[in-house]
N, C-alpha and C. Protein backbone atom coordinates (compact mmCIF):
# COMPACT_ATOMS: atom_id res chain seq x y z
N MET A 1 156.91 216.35 165.49
CA MET A 1 156.63 217.68 164.96
C MET A 1 156.25 217.56 163.48
N THR A 2 155.33 218.38 163.06
CA THR A 2 154.90 218.40 161.66
C THR A 2 155.20 219.77 161.07
N GLN A 3 155.76 219.77 159.88
CA GLN A 3 156.05 221.01 159.16
C GLN A 3 155.05 221.15 158.01
N HIS A 4 154.66 222.40 157.72
CA HIS A 4 153.78 222.67 156.58
C HIS A 4 154.43 223.71 155.69
N ILE A 5 154.35 223.49 154.40
CA ILE A 5 154.87 224.44 153.42
C ILE A 5 153.82 224.59 152.34
N ARG A 6 153.54 225.82 151.95
CA ARG A 6 152.64 226.04 150.83
C ARG A 6 153.49 226.31 149.60
N ALA A 7 153.24 225.53 148.57
CA ALA A 7 153.97 225.67 147.31
C ALA A 7 153.02 226.16 146.23
N PRO A 8 153.50 226.97 145.30
CA PRO A 8 152.65 227.38 144.17
C PRO A 8 152.20 226.14 143.40
N ASN A 9 150.99 226.18 142.89
CA ASN A 9 150.43 225.02 142.19
C ASN A 9 151.29 224.54 141.03
N ASP A 10 151.96 225.47 140.33
CA ASP A 10 152.79 225.05 139.20
C ASP A 10 154.10 224.38 139.64
N ARG A 11 154.39 224.36 140.95
CA ARG A 11 155.61 223.70 141.45
C ARG A 11 155.31 222.36 142.13
N ILE A 12 154.04 222.07 142.36
CA ILE A 12 153.66 220.81 143.02
C ILE A 12 154.14 219.60 142.21
N GLY A 13 153.95 219.64 140.90
CA GLY A 13 154.39 218.54 140.06
C GLY A 13 155.89 218.33 140.13
N VAL A 14 156.65 219.41 140.29
CA VAL A 14 158.11 219.31 140.39
C VAL A 14 158.49 218.65 141.72
N ILE A 15 157.78 219.00 142.79
CA ILE A 15 158.05 218.39 144.10
C ILE A 15 157.74 216.89 144.06
N ILE A 16 156.66 216.53 143.40
CA ILE A 16 156.30 215.11 143.29
C ILE A 16 157.26 214.39 142.35
N GLY A 17 157.54 214.98 141.20
CA GLY A 17 158.45 214.38 140.23
C GLY A 17 157.76 213.32 139.39
N GLN A 18 158.46 212.93 138.34
CA GLN A 18 157.92 211.93 137.43
C GLN A 18 157.73 210.60 138.17
N LYS A 19 156.51 210.08 138.12
CA LYS A 19 156.13 208.84 138.81
C LYS A 19 156.41 208.91 140.31
N GLY A 20 156.42 210.12 140.88
CA GLY A 20 156.63 210.28 142.32
C GLY A 20 158.07 210.12 142.77
N ASN A 21 159.01 210.13 141.81
CA ASN A 21 160.41 209.89 142.15
C ASN A 21 161.02 210.94 143.06
N THR A 22 160.77 212.22 142.80
CA THR A 22 161.35 213.28 143.63
C THR A 22 160.81 213.18 145.06
N LYS A 23 159.52 212.96 145.18
CA LYS A 23 158.90 212.80 146.51
C LYS A 23 159.55 211.65 147.26
N LYS A 24 159.76 210.51 146.58
CA LYS A 24 160.40 209.35 147.21
C LYS A 24 161.82 209.68 147.68
N ILE A 25 162.57 210.37 146.84
CA ILE A 25 163.95 210.74 147.20
C ILE A 25 163.94 211.64 148.44
N ILE A 26 163.04 212.62 148.45
CA ILE A 26 162.95 213.54 149.60
C ILE A 26 162.61 212.76 150.86
N GLU A 27 161.65 211.85 150.76
CA GLU A 27 161.25 211.06 151.93
C GLU A 27 162.41 210.18 152.43
N GLU A 28 163.15 209.59 151.51
CA GLU A 28 164.28 208.74 151.91
C GLU A 28 165.39 209.56 152.56
N LYS A 29 165.79 210.64 151.91
CA LYS A 29 166.87 211.46 152.45
C LYS A 29 166.47 212.11 153.77
N GLY A 30 165.23 212.55 153.86
CA GLY A 30 164.75 213.24 155.05
C GLY A 30 164.23 212.32 156.13
N GLN A 31 164.21 211.01 155.85
CA GLN A 31 163.69 210.02 156.80
C GLN A 31 162.34 210.46 157.36
N CYS A 32 161.42 210.76 156.44
CA CYS A 32 160.11 211.27 156.83
C CYS A 32 159.07 210.86 155.79
N LYS A 33 157.87 211.32 156.00
CA LYS A 33 156.78 211.12 155.05
C LYS A 33 156.29 212.49 154.58
N LEU A 34 155.82 212.54 153.33
CA LEU A 34 155.24 213.75 152.77
C LEU A 34 153.80 213.50 152.38
N LYS A 35 152.96 214.45 152.68
CA LYS A 35 151.58 214.43 152.21
C LYS A 35 151.41 215.72 151.40
N ILE A 36 151.06 215.56 150.13
CA ILE A 36 150.99 216.71 149.22
C ILE A 36 149.56 216.86 148.73
N ASP A 37 148.98 218.03 148.96
CA ASP A 37 147.64 218.34 148.47
C ASP A 37 147.80 219.21 147.23
N SER A 38 147.58 218.61 146.07
CA SER A 38 147.81 219.34 144.82
C SER A 38 146.77 220.43 144.56
N LYS A 39 145.66 220.38 145.25
CA LYS A 39 144.63 221.43 145.08
C LYS A 39 145.01 222.71 145.83
N THR A 40 145.49 222.56 147.07
CA THR A 40 145.82 223.73 147.89
C THR A 40 147.29 224.11 147.81
N GLY A 41 148.13 223.19 147.36
CA GLY A 41 149.57 223.44 147.32
C GLY A 41 150.23 223.20 148.66
N MET A 42 149.51 222.62 149.61
CA MET A 42 150.06 222.38 150.94
C MET A 42 150.87 221.08 150.96
N VAL A 43 152.10 221.19 151.46
CA VAL A 43 152.98 220.03 151.62
C VAL A 43 153.19 219.84 153.12
N GLN A 44 152.88 218.66 153.60
CA GLN A 44 153.02 218.34 155.02
C GLN A 44 154.18 217.35 155.18
N ILE A 45 155.09 217.66 156.10
CA ILE A 45 156.22 216.78 156.42
C ILE A 45 155.91 216.20 157.80
N TYR A 46 155.87 214.87 157.91
CA TYR A 46 155.55 214.24 159.20
C TYR A 46 156.33 212.94 159.38
N ASP A 47 156.25 212.39 160.57
CA ASP A 47 156.95 211.14 160.93
C ASP A 47 158.45 211.22 160.69
N ALA A 48 159.04 212.40 160.91
CA ALA A 48 160.48 212.55 160.73
C ALA A 48 161.22 211.87 161.87
N LYS A 49 162.28 211.17 161.53
CA LYS A 49 163.10 210.48 162.53
C LYS A 49 164.07 211.43 163.24
N ASP A 50 164.47 212.49 162.53
CA ASP A 50 165.49 213.41 163.04
C ASP A 50 165.02 214.86 162.81
N PRO A 51 164.93 215.67 163.86
CA PRO A 51 164.46 217.05 163.69
C PRO A 51 165.31 217.90 162.73
N LEU A 52 166.62 217.67 162.74
CA LEU A 52 167.49 218.42 161.84
C LEU A 52 167.21 218.05 160.38
N GLU A 53 167.02 216.76 160.12
CA GLU A 53 166.68 216.32 158.77
C GLU A 53 165.32 216.86 158.35
N GLU A 54 164.41 216.98 159.30
CA GLU A 54 163.09 217.54 159.00
C GLU A 54 163.22 219.00 158.54
N LEU A 55 164.09 219.76 159.20
CA LEU A 55 164.31 221.15 158.80
C LEU A 55 164.98 221.24 157.42
N ARG A 56 165.93 220.35 157.17
CA ARG A 56 166.58 220.32 155.85
C ARG A 56 165.57 219.94 154.77
N THR A 57 164.69 219.01 155.11
CA THR A 57 163.64 218.60 154.18
C THR A 57 162.73 219.78 153.86
N ARG A 58 162.35 220.52 154.89
CA ARG A 58 161.51 221.70 154.70
C ARG A 58 162.20 222.71 153.77
N ASP A 59 163.49 222.96 154.01
CA ASP A 59 164.22 223.91 153.17
C ASP A 59 164.33 223.42 151.72
N ALA A 60 164.55 222.13 151.54
CA ALA A 60 164.66 221.57 150.18
C ALA A 60 163.33 221.71 149.44
N ILE A 61 162.23 221.42 150.13
CA ILE A 61 160.91 221.57 149.50
C ILE A 61 160.63 223.05 149.21
N ALA A 62 160.97 223.91 150.15
CA ALA A 62 160.78 225.36 149.93
C ALA A 62 161.61 225.83 148.75
N ALA A 63 162.82 225.29 148.59
CA ALA A 63 163.67 225.67 147.46
C ALA A 63 163.04 225.26 146.13
N ILE A 64 162.49 224.05 146.08
CA ILE A 64 161.80 223.62 144.85
C ILE A 64 160.60 224.52 144.60
N ALA A 65 159.87 224.85 145.66
CA ALA A 65 158.70 225.73 145.54
C ALA A 65 159.10 227.12 145.04
N ARG A 66 160.31 227.56 145.32
CA ARG A 66 160.79 228.88 144.90
C ARG A 66 161.53 228.83 143.57
N GLY A 67 161.41 227.72 142.83
CA GLY A 67 161.91 227.70 141.46
C GLY A 67 163.17 226.91 141.20
N PHE A 68 163.83 226.39 142.24
CA PHE A 68 165.03 225.59 142.02
C PHE A 68 164.67 224.22 141.45
N SER A 69 165.58 223.66 140.68
CA SER A 69 165.41 222.28 140.21
C SER A 69 165.57 221.37 141.43
N PRO A 70 164.96 220.18 141.39
CA PRO A 70 165.15 219.25 142.51
C PRO A 70 166.62 218.94 142.77
N GLU A 71 167.43 218.82 141.71
CA GLU A 71 168.85 218.52 141.89
C GLU A 71 169.54 219.58 142.75
N LYS A 72 169.30 220.84 142.45
CA LYS A 72 169.92 221.92 143.22
C LYS A 72 169.34 221.98 144.63
N ALA A 73 168.04 221.83 144.76
CA ALA A 73 167.38 221.91 146.06
C ALA A 73 167.80 220.77 146.98
N LEU A 74 167.95 219.59 146.43
CA LEU A 74 168.29 218.42 147.26
C LEU A 74 169.72 218.49 147.79
N ARG A 75 170.54 219.36 147.23
CA ARG A 75 171.90 219.56 147.78
C ARG A 75 171.81 220.00 149.25
N ILE A 76 170.74 220.71 149.61
CA ILE A 76 170.55 221.17 150.99
C ILE A 76 170.52 219.96 151.94
N MET A 77 169.98 218.85 151.46
CA MET A 77 169.87 217.66 152.30
C MET A 77 171.17 216.86 152.32
N ASP A 78 172.04 217.08 151.35
CA ASP A 78 173.29 216.33 151.24
C ASP A 78 174.49 217.05 151.87
N GLU A 79 174.48 218.38 151.82
CA GLU A 79 175.62 219.16 152.29
C GLU A 79 175.20 219.98 153.51
N GLU A 80 175.76 219.62 154.67
CA GLU A 80 175.34 220.21 155.94
C GLU A 80 175.35 221.73 155.99
N GLU A 81 176.34 222.35 155.38
CA GLU A 81 176.49 223.80 155.49
C GLU A 81 175.51 224.60 154.64
N LEU A 82 174.90 223.97 153.65
CA LEU A 82 174.02 224.70 152.74
C LEU A 82 172.68 225.02 153.39
N THR A 83 172.25 226.26 153.17
CA THR A 83 170.94 226.69 153.64
C THR A 83 170.26 227.51 152.56
N LEU A 84 168.99 227.76 152.77
CA LEU A 84 168.17 228.52 151.83
C LEU A 84 167.84 229.87 152.44
N GLU A 85 167.91 230.90 151.63
CA GLU A 85 167.46 232.24 152.03
C GLU A 85 166.56 232.76 150.92
N THR A 86 165.46 233.37 151.31
CA THR A 86 164.54 233.93 150.32
C THR A 86 164.30 235.40 150.62
N ILE A 87 164.45 236.22 149.59
CA ILE A 87 164.19 237.66 149.67
C ILE A 87 162.85 237.89 148.99
N ASN A 88 161.91 238.44 149.73
CA ASN A 88 160.58 238.72 149.19
C ASN A 88 160.56 240.14 148.64
N LEU A 89 160.50 240.24 147.31
CA LEU A 89 160.54 241.57 146.67
C LEU A 89 159.28 242.39 146.93
N SER A 90 158.17 241.74 147.29
CA SER A 90 156.96 242.51 147.56
C SER A 90 157.10 243.34 148.84
N ASN A 91 158.11 243.01 149.66
CA ASN A 91 158.40 243.83 150.85
C ASN A 91 159.25 245.05 150.48
N ILE A 92 159.81 245.04 149.27
CA ILE A 92 160.71 246.10 148.83
C ILE A 92 160.07 246.96 147.74
N ALA A 93 159.48 246.31 146.76
CA ALA A 93 158.90 247.01 145.61
C ALA A 93 157.43 247.37 145.89
N THR A 94 156.99 248.43 145.25
CA THR A 94 155.61 248.90 145.48
C THR A 94 154.60 248.36 144.48
N ASN A 95 155.09 247.84 143.34
CA ASN A 95 154.15 247.31 142.34
C ASN A 95 154.83 246.25 141.47
N GLU A 96 154.03 245.60 140.63
CA GLU A 96 154.52 244.51 139.78
C GLU A 96 155.60 244.98 138.81
N LYS A 97 155.44 246.18 138.28
CA LYS A 97 156.41 246.72 137.32
C LYS A 97 157.78 246.87 137.99
N GLU A 98 157.80 247.33 139.22
CA GLU A 98 159.05 247.51 139.95
C GLU A 98 159.69 246.14 140.29
N ILE A 99 158.86 245.17 140.64
CA ILE A 99 159.37 243.82 140.90
C ILE A 99 160.03 243.26 139.65
N LYS A 100 159.39 243.45 138.50
CA LYS A 100 159.95 242.97 137.24
C LYS A 100 161.27 243.68 136.91
N ARG A 101 161.33 244.98 137.17
CA ARG A 101 162.55 245.76 136.92
C ARG A 101 163.71 245.26 137.79
N ILE A 102 163.42 245.05 139.08
CA ILE A 102 164.45 244.56 140.00
C ILE A 102 164.91 243.17 139.58
N SER A 103 163.97 242.30 139.28
CA SER A 103 164.31 240.93 138.85
C SER A 103 165.20 240.96 137.61
N SER A 104 164.85 241.82 136.67
CA SER A 104 165.63 241.95 135.43
C SER A 104 167.05 242.42 135.71
N ARG A 105 167.21 243.33 136.65
CA ARG A 105 168.55 243.82 137.01
C ARG A 105 169.40 242.70 137.60
N ILE A 106 168.77 241.86 138.41
CA ILE A 106 169.51 240.76 139.04
C ILE A 106 169.86 239.68 138.02
N ILE A 107 168.97 239.43 137.08
CA ILE A 107 169.25 238.46 136.03
C ILE A 107 170.33 239.00 135.10
N GLY A 108 170.20 240.26 134.69
CA GLY A 108 171.16 240.88 133.79
C GLY A 108 170.94 240.45 132.35
N THR A 109 171.68 241.05 131.44
CA THR A 109 171.57 240.74 130.02
C THR A 109 171.96 239.29 129.78
N ASN A 110 171.06 238.55 129.15
CA ASN A 110 171.27 237.13 128.85
C ASN A 110 171.64 236.31 130.09
N GLY A 111 171.21 236.76 131.26
CA GLY A 111 171.45 236.02 132.50
C GLY A 111 172.85 236.16 133.06
N ARG A 112 173.64 237.08 132.50
CA ARG A 112 175.05 237.19 132.89
C ARG A 112 175.25 237.62 134.34
N MET A 113 174.42 238.53 134.84
CA MET A 113 174.63 239.01 136.21
C MET A 113 174.38 237.88 137.22
N ARG A 114 173.26 237.21 137.07
CA ARG A 114 172.96 236.10 137.98
C ARG A 114 174.05 235.02 137.89
N GLU A 115 174.45 234.71 136.67
CA GLU A 115 175.49 233.72 136.44
C GLU A 115 176.79 234.11 137.14
N HIS A 116 177.13 235.39 137.07
CA HIS A 116 178.37 235.87 137.68
C HIS A 116 178.27 235.79 139.21
N ILE A 117 177.14 236.16 139.75
CA ILE A 117 176.95 236.06 141.21
C ILE A 117 177.11 234.60 141.63
N GLU A 118 176.49 233.69 140.89
CA GLU A 118 176.59 232.26 141.22
C GLU A 118 178.04 231.78 141.14
N LYS A 119 178.73 232.17 140.09
CA LYS A 119 180.11 231.73 139.88
C LYS A 119 181.05 232.26 140.98
N MET A 120 180.91 233.53 141.32
CA MET A 120 181.81 234.15 142.29
C MET A 120 181.51 233.75 143.74
N THR A 121 180.30 233.27 144.00
CA THR A 121 179.93 232.94 145.38
C THR A 121 179.71 231.44 145.60
N ASP A 122 179.72 230.66 144.54
CA ASP A 122 179.42 229.23 144.63
C ASP A 122 178.04 228.99 145.25
N CYS A 123 177.11 229.88 144.94
CA CYS A 123 175.72 229.76 145.39
C CYS A 123 174.84 229.50 144.17
N ASN A 124 173.64 229.03 144.43
CA ASN A 124 172.62 228.93 143.38
C ASN A 124 171.57 229.98 143.66
N ILE A 125 171.08 230.63 142.59
CA ILE A 125 170.10 231.69 142.73
C ILE A 125 168.90 231.37 141.84
N SER A 126 167.71 231.58 142.41
CA SER A 126 166.47 231.40 141.65
C SER A 126 165.63 232.66 141.79
N ILE A 127 165.17 233.16 140.66
CA ILE A 127 164.26 234.30 140.65
C ILE A 127 162.92 233.76 140.19
N TYR A 128 161.96 233.78 141.11
CA TYR A 128 160.66 233.15 140.84
C TYR A 128 159.56 234.03 141.42
N GLY A 129 158.67 234.49 140.57
CA GLY A 129 157.57 235.33 141.05
C GLY A 129 158.09 236.58 141.73
N LYS A 130 157.70 236.77 142.97
CA LYS A 130 158.10 237.95 143.74
C LYS A 130 159.26 237.66 144.68
N THR A 131 159.99 236.57 144.43
CA THR A 131 161.07 236.19 145.33
C THR A 131 162.39 235.95 144.60
N ILE A 132 163.45 236.15 145.37
CA ILE A 132 164.79 235.78 144.94
C ILE A 132 165.31 234.87 146.03
N SER A 133 165.72 233.66 145.65
CA SER A 133 166.19 232.69 146.65
C SER A 133 167.63 232.32 146.36
N ILE A 134 168.35 232.05 147.46
CA ILE A 134 169.77 231.72 147.38
C ILE A 134 170.02 230.44 148.17
N ILE A 135 170.73 229.51 147.57
CA ILE A 135 171.22 228.32 148.27
C ILE A 135 172.72 228.43 148.32
N GLY A 136 173.28 228.33 149.53
CA GLY A 136 174.73 228.41 149.67
C GLY A 136 175.18 228.26 151.10
N LYS A 137 176.49 228.29 151.27
CA LYS A 137 177.09 228.28 152.60
C LYS A 137 176.96 229.68 153.18
N PRO A 138 176.96 229.82 154.50
CA PRO A 138 176.66 231.12 155.12
C PRO A 138 177.49 232.31 154.60
N LYS A 139 178.80 232.18 154.57
CA LYS A 139 179.65 233.31 154.17
C LYS A 139 179.43 233.66 152.69
N GLU A 140 179.39 232.65 151.84
CA GLU A 140 179.19 232.88 150.42
C GLU A 140 177.79 233.41 150.14
N LYS A 141 176.83 232.89 150.88
CA LYS A 141 175.45 233.34 150.73
C LYS A 141 175.32 234.81 151.12
N GLN A 142 176.06 235.23 152.14
CA GLN A 142 176.04 236.63 152.55
C GLN A 142 176.60 237.53 151.44
N THR A 143 177.65 237.08 150.77
CA THR A 143 178.21 237.85 149.65
C THR A 143 177.18 237.95 148.52
N ALA A 144 176.52 236.83 148.20
CA ALA A 144 175.49 236.84 147.16
C ALA A 144 174.36 237.79 147.55
N HIS A 145 173.93 237.71 148.81
CA HIS A 145 172.86 238.56 149.30
C HIS A 145 173.25 240.05 149.18
N THR A 146 174.45 240.38 149.58
CA THR A 146 174.92 241.77 149.51
C THR A 146 174.93 242.26 148.06
N SER A 147 175.40 241.44 147.14
CA SER A 147 175.44 241.87 145.73
C SER A 147 174.02 242.05 145.19
N ILE A 148 173.11 241.18 145.58
CA ILE A 148 171.71 241.32 145.16
C ILE A 148 171.10 242.57 145.77
N GLN A 149 171.41 242.83 147.03
CA GLN A 149 170.91 244.03 147.70
C GLN A 149 171.43 245.29 147.02
N MET A 150 172.69 245.26 146.58
CA MET A 150 173.26 246.40 145.85
C MET A 150 172.44 246.66 144.58
N LEU A 151 172.10 245.59 143.85
CA LEU A 151 171.31 245.73 142.62
C LEU A 151 169.90 246.23 142.93
N ILE A 152 169.31 245.71 143.99
CA ILE A 152 167.97 246.16 144.40
C ILE A 152 167.99 247.65 144.70
N ASN A 153 169.08 248.10 145.34
CA ASN A 153 169.20 249.52 145.72
C ASN A 153 169.60 250.41 144.56
N GLY A 154 169.80 249.82 143.36
CA GLY A 154 170.06 250.64 142.18
C GLY A 154 171.51 250.78 141.78
N ALA A 155 172.42 250.05 142.41
CA ALA A 155 173.83 250.14 142.05
C ALA A 155 174.01 249.69 140.60
N PRO A 156 174.88 250.37 139.84
CA PRO A 156 175.19 249.92 138.48
C PRO A 156 175.86 248.54 138.53
N HIS A 157 175.77 247.80 137.45
CA HIS A 157 176.35 246.46 137.41
C HIS A 157 177.86 246.46 137.64
N GLY A 158 178.56 247.47 137.12
CA GLY A 158 180.03 247.54 137.24
C GLY A 158 180.52 247.41 138.68
N PRO A 159 180.04 248.26 139.59
CA PRO A 159 180.48 248.13 140.99
C PRO A 159 180.10 246.79 141.63
N VAL A 160 179.01 246.21 141.20
CA VAL A 160 178.60 244.90 141.75
C VAL A 160 179.59 243.83 141.27
N TYR A 161 179.96 243.89 139.97
CA TYR A 161 180.97 242.97 139.46
C TYR A 161 182.28 243.14 140.26
N SER A 162 182.69 244.39 140.50
CA SER A 162 183.92 244.66 141.25
C SER A 162 183.85 244.11 142.67
N PHE A 163 182.71 244.33 143.33
CA PHE A 163 182.50 243.81 144.69
C PHE A 163 182.65 242.29 144.70
N LEU A 164 182.02 241.62 143.74
CA LEU A 164 182.07 240.16 143.67
C LEU A 164 183.49 239.66 143.41
N GLU A 165 184.21 240.34 142.51
CA GLU A 165 185.59 239.95 142.20
C GLU A 165 186.46 240.09 143.45
N LYS A 166 186.28 241.17 144.19
CA LYS A 166 187.06 241.41 145.41
C LYS A 166 186.77 240.31 146.44
N LYS A 167 185.51 240.00 146.65
CA LYS A 167 185.13 238.97 147.63
C LYS A 167 185.64 237.60 147.20
N TYR A 168 185.63 237.34 145.90
CA TYR A 168 186.12 236.08 145.38
C TYR A 168 187.62 235.94 145.65
N ARG A 169 188.38 237.02 145.38
CA ARG A 169 189.82 237.01 145.66
C ARG A 169 190.08 236.78 147.15
N GLU A 170 189.31 237.45 148.00
CA GLU A 170 189.46 237.26 149.46
C GLU A 170 189.18 235.81 149.85
N MET A 171 188.16 235.21 149.24
CA MET A 171 187.82 233.82 149.53
C MET A 171 188.96 232.88 149.12
N ILE A 172 189.55 233.11 147.95
CA ILE A 172 190.66 232.29 147.47
C ILE A 172 191.87 232.46 148.39
N GLU A 173 192.19 233.70 148.77
CA GLU A 173 193.31 233.95 149.68
C GLU A 173 193.09 233.26 151.02
N GLN A 174 191.89 233.33 151.55
CA GLN A 174 191.55 232.69 152.82
C GLN A 174 191.72 231.18 152.71
N GLU A 175 191.31 230.62 151.60
CA GLU A 175 191.42 229.18 151.39
C GLU A 175 192.89 228.77 151.30
N LEU A 176 193.72 229.60 150.67
CA LEU A 176 195.15 229.30 150.57
C LEU A 176 195.83 229.37 151.94
N LEU A 177 195.42 230.35 152.75
CA LEU A 177 196.01 230.52 154.08
C LEU A 177 195.53 229.47 155.07
N HIS A 178 194.26 229.12 154.94
CA HIS A 178 193.64 228.18 155.89
C HIS A 178 192.84 227.13 155.14
N PRO A 179 193.52 226.15 154.53
CA PRO A 179 192.78 225.13 153.78
C PRO A 179 191.84 224.34 154.69
N ARG A 180 190.71 223.96 154.14
CA ARG A 180 189.73 223.18 154.90
C ARG A 180 190.24 221.76 155.04
N LYS A 181 190.04 221.21 156.22
CA LYS A 181 190.42 219.80 156.45
C LYS A 181 189.20 218.96 156.18
N GLU A 182 189.35 217.96 155.33
CA GLU A 182 188.22 217.10 154.98
C GLU A 182 188.43 215.70 155.43
């Protein structure tokens, strides 16, 4: 099976990395080959040994394309539970000005809102162009998504902070009651 991903031209260099290092790491971890067309932004994943690794490779490349650093994106390939979710603001907002307003609300003053969402959910968030992307475990990612959706819908920052604090406390209590076996 072959996967195709279109990446913005300004992210192709990040996918390739200095002297092709990021591309090599992706190919090694994903046990596959990458063909990158820097003119069209098309990234082709082929000769994958394992279909699951191929999907993780696709998500890692998509994460880099959506603004994540390679270090954060490659966590998807290292940690089984991590997945990528992308919210397309052009499906929600009617114009560029509204997209910018929504993005600004999610970032918050000096990046504090985004930082708080990341801290309380143990997720990574990238706001790039018309998209907001989240890397995280399913339950935590759902909490991050809900808080972002609250901001998109116009909720003041205060209630979003309260929601995140409540979910964080619940997560800690759950962990104390049912510790993960490693």
